[in-house]
């Protein structure tokens, strides 16, 4: 199922963030990279070298 409109995307994203704030959704961030290391993060994803989420930060 895909979101059909920008309003639906905003609605679903809002529900997601509410669940996160309430502690109903736990995210496991395996690594955090500066944006300058985005190529490294992509290489790790493509090479299946990760098991959690990768976060790029400015």
PDB file of N, CA and C in Angstrom:
ATOM      1  N   UNK A   1       0.842  -1.178   0.000  1.00  0.00           N
ATOM      2  CA  UNK A   1       0.000   0.000   0.000  1.00  0.00           C
ATOM      3  C   UNK A   1       0.888   1.243   0.000  1.00  0.00           C
ATOM      4  N   UNK A   2       0.571   2.167  -0.863  1.00  0.00           N
ATOM      5  CA  UNK A   2       1.338   3.391  -0.983  1.00  0.00           C
ATOM      6  C   UNK A   2       0.449   4.588  -0.661  1.00  0.00           C
ATOM      7  N   UNK A   3       1.076   5.623  -0.130  1.00  0.00           N
ATOM      8  CA  UNK A   3       0.335   6.859   0.132  1.00  0.00           C
ATOM      9  C   UNK A   3      -0.048   7.491  -1.200  1.00  0.00           C
ATOM     10  N   UNK A   4      -1.260   7.972  -1.276  1.00  0.00           N
ATOM     11  CA  UNK A   4      -1.779   8.510  -2.529  1.00  0.00           C
ATOM     12  C   UNK A   4      -1.583  10.018  -2.674  1.00  0.00           C
ATOM     13  N   UNK A   5      -1.538  10.730  -1.559  1.00  0.00           N
ATOM     14  CA  UNK A   5      -1.480  12.192  -1.619  1.00  0.00           C
ATOM     15  C   UNK A   5      -0.488  12.722  -0.582  1.00  0.00           C
ATOM     16  N   UNK A   6      -0.034  13.956  -0.741  1.00  0.00           N
ATOM     17  CA  UNK A   6       0.822  14.568   0.280  1.00  0.00           C
ATOM     18  C   UNK A   6       0.135  14.634   1.646  1.00  0.00           C
ATOM     19  N   UNK A   7      -1.183  14.858   1.658  1.00  0.00           N
ATOM     20  CA  UNK A   7      -1.909  14.889   2.930  1.00  0.00           C
ATOM     21  C   UNK A   7      -1.863  13.531   3.629  1.00  0.00           C
ATOM     22  N   UNK A   8      -1.970  12.463   2.860  1.00  0.00           N
ATOM     23  CA  UNK A   8      -1.914  11.126   3.455  1.00  0.00           C
ATOM     24  C   UNK A   8      -0.514  10.847   4.008  1.00  0.00           C
ATOM     25  N   UNK A   9       0.513  11.283   3.317  1.00  0.00           N
ATOM     26  CA  UNK A   9       1.889  11.111   3.808  1.00  0.00           C
ATOM     27  C   UNK A   9       2.056  11.844   5.133  1.00  0.00           C
ATOM     28  N   UNK A  10       1.567  13.085   5.204  1.00  0.00           N
ATOM     29  CA  UNK A  10       1.671  13.869   6.436  1.00  0.00           C
ATOM     30  C   UNK A  10       0.903  13.203   7.573  1.00  0.00           C
ATOM     31  N   UNK A  11      -0.271  12.688   7.283  1.00  0.00           N
ATOM     32  CA  UNK A  11      -1.096  12.011   8.295  1.00  0.00           C
ATOM     33  C   UNK A  11      -0.373  10.775   8.827  1.00  0.00           C
ATOM     34  N   UNK A  12       0.159   9.952   7.933  1.00  0.00           N
ATOM     35  CA  UNK A  12       0.850   8.729   8.360  1.00  0.00           C
ATOM     36  C   UNK A  12       2.140   9.054   9.121  1.00  0.00           C
ATOM     37  N   UNK A  13       2.869  10.055   8.669  1.00  0.00           N
ATOM     38  CA  UNK A  13       4.094  10.452   9.369  1.00  0.00           C
ATOM     39  C   UNK A  13       3.744  10.976  10.763  1.00  0.00           C
ATOM     40  N   UNK A  14       2.667  11.721  10.872  1.00  0.00           N
ATOM     41  CA  UNK A  14       2.231  12.221  12.171  1.00  0.00           C
ATOM     42  C   UNK A  14       1.941  11.080  13.130  1.00  0.00           C
ATOM     43  N   UNK A  15       1.242  10.052  12.659  1.00  0.00           N
ATOM     44  CA  UNK A  15       0.964   8.875  13.491  1.00  0.00           C
ATOM     45  C   UNK A  15       2.253   8.194  13.927  1.00  0.00           C
ATOM     46  N   UNK A  16       3.210   8.128  13.028  1.00  0.00           N
ATOM     47  CA  UNK A  16       4.493   7.499  13.336  1.00  0.00           C
ATOM     48  C   UNK A  16       5.211   8.234  14.466  1.00  0.00           C
ATOM     49  N   UNK A  17       5.281   9.553  14.368  1.00  0.00           N
ATOM     50  CA  UNK A  17       5.981  10.328  15.381  1.00  0.00           C
ATOM     51  C   UNK A  17       5.248  10.315  16.722  1.00  0.00           C
ATOM     52  N   UNK A  18       3.928  10.269  16.711  1.00  0.00           N
ATOM     53  CA  UNK A  18       3.172  10.145  17.959  1.00  0.00           C
ATOM     54  C   UNK A  18       3.518   8.823  18.634  1.00  0.00           C
ATOM     55  N   UNK A  19       3.553   7.734  17.864  1.00  0.00           N
ATOM     56  CA  UNK A  19       3.892   6.425  18.423  1.00  0.00           C
ATOM     57  C   UNK A  19       5.301   6.432  19.004  1.00  0.00           C
ATOM     58  N   UNK A  20       6.231   7.106  18.340  1.00  0.00           N
ATOM     59  CA  UNK A  20       7.599   7.195  18.859  1.00  0.00           C
ATOM     60  C   UNK A  20       7.628   7.953  20.183  1.00  0.00           C
ATOM     61  N   UNK A  21       6.929   9.089  20.254  1.00  0.00           N
ATOM     62  CA  UNK A  21       6.909   9.888  21.482  1.00  0.00           C
ATOM     63  C   UNK A  21       6.291   9.122  22.647  1.00  0.00           C
ATOM     64  N   UNK A  22       5.295   8.297  22.355  1.00  0.00           N
ATOM     65  CA  UNK A  22       4.630   7.524  23.409  1.00  0.00           C
ATOM     66  C   UNK A  22       5.414   6.272  23.801  1.00  0.00           C
ATOM     67  N   UNK A  23       6.527   6.014  23.114  1.00  0.00           N
ATOM     68  CA  UNK A  23       7.335   4.845  23.430  1.00  0.00           C
ATOM     69  C   UNK A  23       6.785   3.545  22.877  1.00  0.00           C
ATOM     70  N   UNK A  24       5.827   3.633  21.955  1.00  0.00           N
ATOM     71  CA  UNK A  24       5.250   2.433  21.359  1.00  0.00           C
ATOM     72  C   UNK A  24       6.102   1.878  20.224  1.00  0.00           C
ATOM     73  N   UNK A  25       7.013   2.678  19.758  1.00  0.00           N
ATOM     74  CA  UNK A  25       7.872   2.280  18.646  1.00  0.00           C
ATOM     75  C   UNK A  25       9.309   2.522  19.048  1.00  0.00           C
ATOM     76  N   UNK A  26      10.111   1.503  19.011  1.00  0.00           N
ATOM     77  CA  UNK A  26      11.522   1.609  19.377  1.00  0.00           C
ATOM     78  C   UNK A  26      12.361   1.498  18.114  1.00  0.00           C
ATOM     79  N   UNK A  27      13.241   2.453  17.913  1.00  0.00           N
ATOM     80  CA  UNK A  27      14.154   2.418  16.787  1.00  0.00           C
ATOM     81  C   UNK A  27      15.546   2.073  17.296  1.00  0.00           C
ATOM     82  N   UNK A  28      16.200   1.181  16.600  1.00  0.00           N
ATOM     83  CA  UNK A  28      17.571   0.829  16.956  1.00  0.00           C
ATOM     84  C   UNK A  28      18.478   1.440  15.901  1.00  0.00           C
ATOM     85  N   UNK A  29      19.183   2.492  16.290  1.00  0.00           N
ATOM     86  CA  UNK A  29      20.113   3.147  15.382  1.00  0.00           C
ATOM     87  C   UNK A  29      21.478   2.532  15.628  1.00  0.00           C
ATOM     88  N   UNK A  30      21.976   1.823  14.619  1.00  0.00           N
ATOM     89  CA  UNK A  30      23.248   1.123  14.759  1.00  0.00           C
ATOM     90  C   UNK A  30      24.436   2.067  14.669  1.00  0.00           C
ATOM     91  N   UNK A  31      24.396   2.980  13.713  1.00  0.00           N
ATOM     92  CA  UNK A  31      25.503   3.913  13.518  1.00  0.00           C
ATOM     93  C   UNK A  31      24.944   5.283  13.145  1.00  0.00           C
ATOM     94  N   UNK A  32      25.676   6.305  13.555  1.00  0.00           N
ATOM     95  CA  UNK A  32      25.357   7.673  13.153  1.00  0.00           C
ATOM     96  C   UNK A  32      26.564   8.227  12.421  1.00  0.00           C
ATOM     97  N   UNK A  33      26.327   8.781  11.235  1.00  0.00           N
ATOM     98  CA  UNK A  33      27.391   9.312  10.408  1.00  0.00           C
ATOM     99  C   UNK A  33      27.157  10.778  10.126  1.00  0.00           C
ATOM    100  N   UNK A  34      28.226  11.565  10.031  1.00  0.00           N
ATOM    101  CA  UNK A  34      28.046  12.931   9.527  1.00  0.00           C
ATOM    102  C   UNK A  34      27.662  12.856   8.049  1.00  0.00           C
ATOM    103  N   UNK A  35      26.942  13.829   7.592  1.00  0.00           N
ATOM    104  CA  UNK A  35      26.478  13.835   6.204  1.00  0.00           C
ATOM    105  C   UNK A  35      27.629  13.677   5.216  1.00  0.00           C
ATOM    106  N   UNK A  36      28.790  14.175   5.568  1.00  0.00           N
ATOM    107  CA  UNK A  36      29.964  14.059   4.690  1.00  0.00           C
ATOM    108  C   UNK A  36      30.355  12.598   4.457  1.00  0.00           C
ATOM    109  N   UNK A  37      29.940  11.687   5.347  1.00  0.00           N
ATOM    110  CA  UNK A  37      30.253  10.264   5.207  1.00  0.00           C
ATOM    111  C   UNK A  37      29.089   9.463   4.629  1.00  0.00           C
ATOM    112  N   UNK A  38      28.199  10.132   3.899  1.00  0.00           N
ATOM    113  CA  UNK A  38      27.026   9.455   3.334  1.00  0.00           C
ATOM    114  C   UNK A  38      27.427   8.312   2.411  1.00  0.00           C
ATOM    115  N   UNK A  39      28.494   8.479   1.644  1.00  0.00           N
ATOM    116  CA  UNK A  39      28.929   7.408   0.733  1.00  0.00           C
ATOM    117  C   UNK A  39      29.304   6.156   1.518  1.00  0.00           C
ATOM    118  N   UNK A  40      29.969   6.336   2.647  1.00  0.00           N
ATOM    119  CA  UNK A  40      30.325   5.187   3.488  1.00  0.00           C
ATOM    120  C   UNK A  40      29.066   4.489   4.020  1.00  0.00           C
ATOM    121  N   UNK A  41      28.103   5.275   4.475  1.00  0.00           N
ATOM    122  CA  UNK A  41      26.855   4.709   4.983  1.00  0.00           C
ATOM    123  C   UNK A  41      26.140   3.914   3.896  1.00  0.00           C
ATOM    124  N   UNK A  42      26.083   4.466   2.692  1.00  0.00           N
ATOM    125  CA  UNK A  42      25.441   3.762   1.575  1.00  0.00           C
ATOM    126  C   UNK A  42      26.180   2.468   1.247  1.00  0.00           C
ATOM    127  N   UNK A  43      27.494   2.514   1.274  1.00  0.00           N
ATOM    128  CA  UNK A  43      28.284   1.309   0.983  1.00  0.00           C
ATOM    129  C   UNK A  43      27.998   0.224   2.021  1.00  0.00           C
ATOM    130  N   UNK A  44      27.861   0.607   3.285  1.00  0.00           N
ATOM    131  CA  UNK A  44      27.554  -0.377   4.319  1.00  0.00           C
ATOM    132  C   UNK A  44      26.168  -0.980   4.116  1.00  0.00           C
ATOM    133  N   UNK A  45      25.209  -0.146   3.733  1.00  0.00           N
ATOM    134  CA  UNK A  45      23.869  -0.658   3.459  1.00  0.00           C
ATOM    135  C   UNK A  45      23.877  -1.615   2.272  1.00  0.00           C
ATOM    136  N   UNK A  46      24.524  -1.199   1.189  1.00  0.00           N
ATOM    137  CA  UNK A  46      24.573  -2.033  -0.015  1.00  0.00           C
ATOM    138  C   UNK A  46      25.314  -3.336   0.237  1.00  0.00           C
ATOM    139  N   UNK A  47      26.336  -3.292   1.083  1.00  0.00           N
ATOM    140  CA  UNK A  47      27.119  -4.483   1.379  1.00  0.00           C
ATOM    141  C   UNK A  47      26.533  -5.335   2.489  1.00  0.00           C
ATOM    142  N   UNK A  48      25.355  -4.946   2.958  1.00  0.00           N
ATOM    143  CA  UNK A  48      24.670  -5.674   4.037  1.00  0.00           C
ATOM    144  C   UNK A  48      25.549  -5.829   5.267  1.00  0.00           C
ATOM    145  N   UNK A  49      26.295  -4.765   5.574  1.00  0.00           N
ATOM    146  CA  UNK A  49      27.211  -4.774   6.731  1.00  0.00           C
ATOM    147  C   UNK A  49      26.541  -4.222   7.978  1.00  0.00           C
ATOM    148  N   UNK A  50      25.244  -3.964   7.927  1.00  0.00           N
ATOM    149  CA  UNK A  50      24.549  -3.389   9.070  1.00  0.00           C
ATOM    150  C   UNK A  50      23.332  -4.241   9.420  1.00  0.00           C
ATOM    151  N   UNK A  51      22.898  -4.128  10.653  1.00  0.00           N
ATOM    152  CA  UNK A  51      21.660  -4.814  11.057  1.00  0.00           C
ATOM    153  C   UNK A  51      20.639  -3.853  11.619  1.00  0.00           C
ATOM    154  N   UNK A  52      21.026  -2.621  11.843  1.00  0.00           N
ATOM    155  CA  UNK A  52      20.108  -1.620  12.371  1.00  0.00           C
ATOM    156  C   UNK A  52      20.007  -0.451  11.415  1.00  0.00           C
ATOM    157  N   UNK A  53      19.495   0.623  11.916  1.00  0.00           N
ATOM    158  CA  UNK A  53      19.329   1.829  11.112  1.00  0.00           C
ATOM    159  C   UNK A  53      20.619   2.645  11.109  1.00  0.00           C
ATOM    160  N   UNK A  54      20.844   3.355  10.008  1.00  0.00           N
ATOM    161  CA  UNK A  54      21.954   4.294   9.919  1.00  0.00           C
ATOM    162  C   UNK A  54      21.374   5.691   9.870  1.00  0.00           C
ATOM    163  N   UNK A  55      21.953   6.583  10.642  1.00  0.00           N
ATOM    164  CA  UNK A  55      21.464   7.949  10.725  1.00  0.00           C
ATOM    165  C   UNK A  55      22.517   8.884  10.176  1.00  0.00           C
ATOM    166  N   UNK A  56      22.116   9.714   9.211  1.00  0.00           N
ATOM    167  CA  UNK A  56      22.994  10.755   8.675  1.00  0.00           C
ATOM    168  C   UNK A  56      22.608  12.066   9.336  1.00  0.00           C
ATOM    169  N   UNK A  57      23.592  12.765   9.886  1.00  0.00           N
ATOM    170  CA  UNK A  57      23.301  14.033  10.546  1.00  0.00           C
ATOM    171  C   UNK A  57      24.128  15.149   9.926  1.00  0.00           C
ATOM    172  N   UNK A  58      23.531  16.342   9.848  1.00  0.00           N
ATOM    173  CA  UNK A  58      24.254  17.474   9.240  1.00  0.00           C
ATOM    174  C   UNK A  58      25.434  17.921  10.082  1.00  0.00           C
TER     175      UNK A  58
END
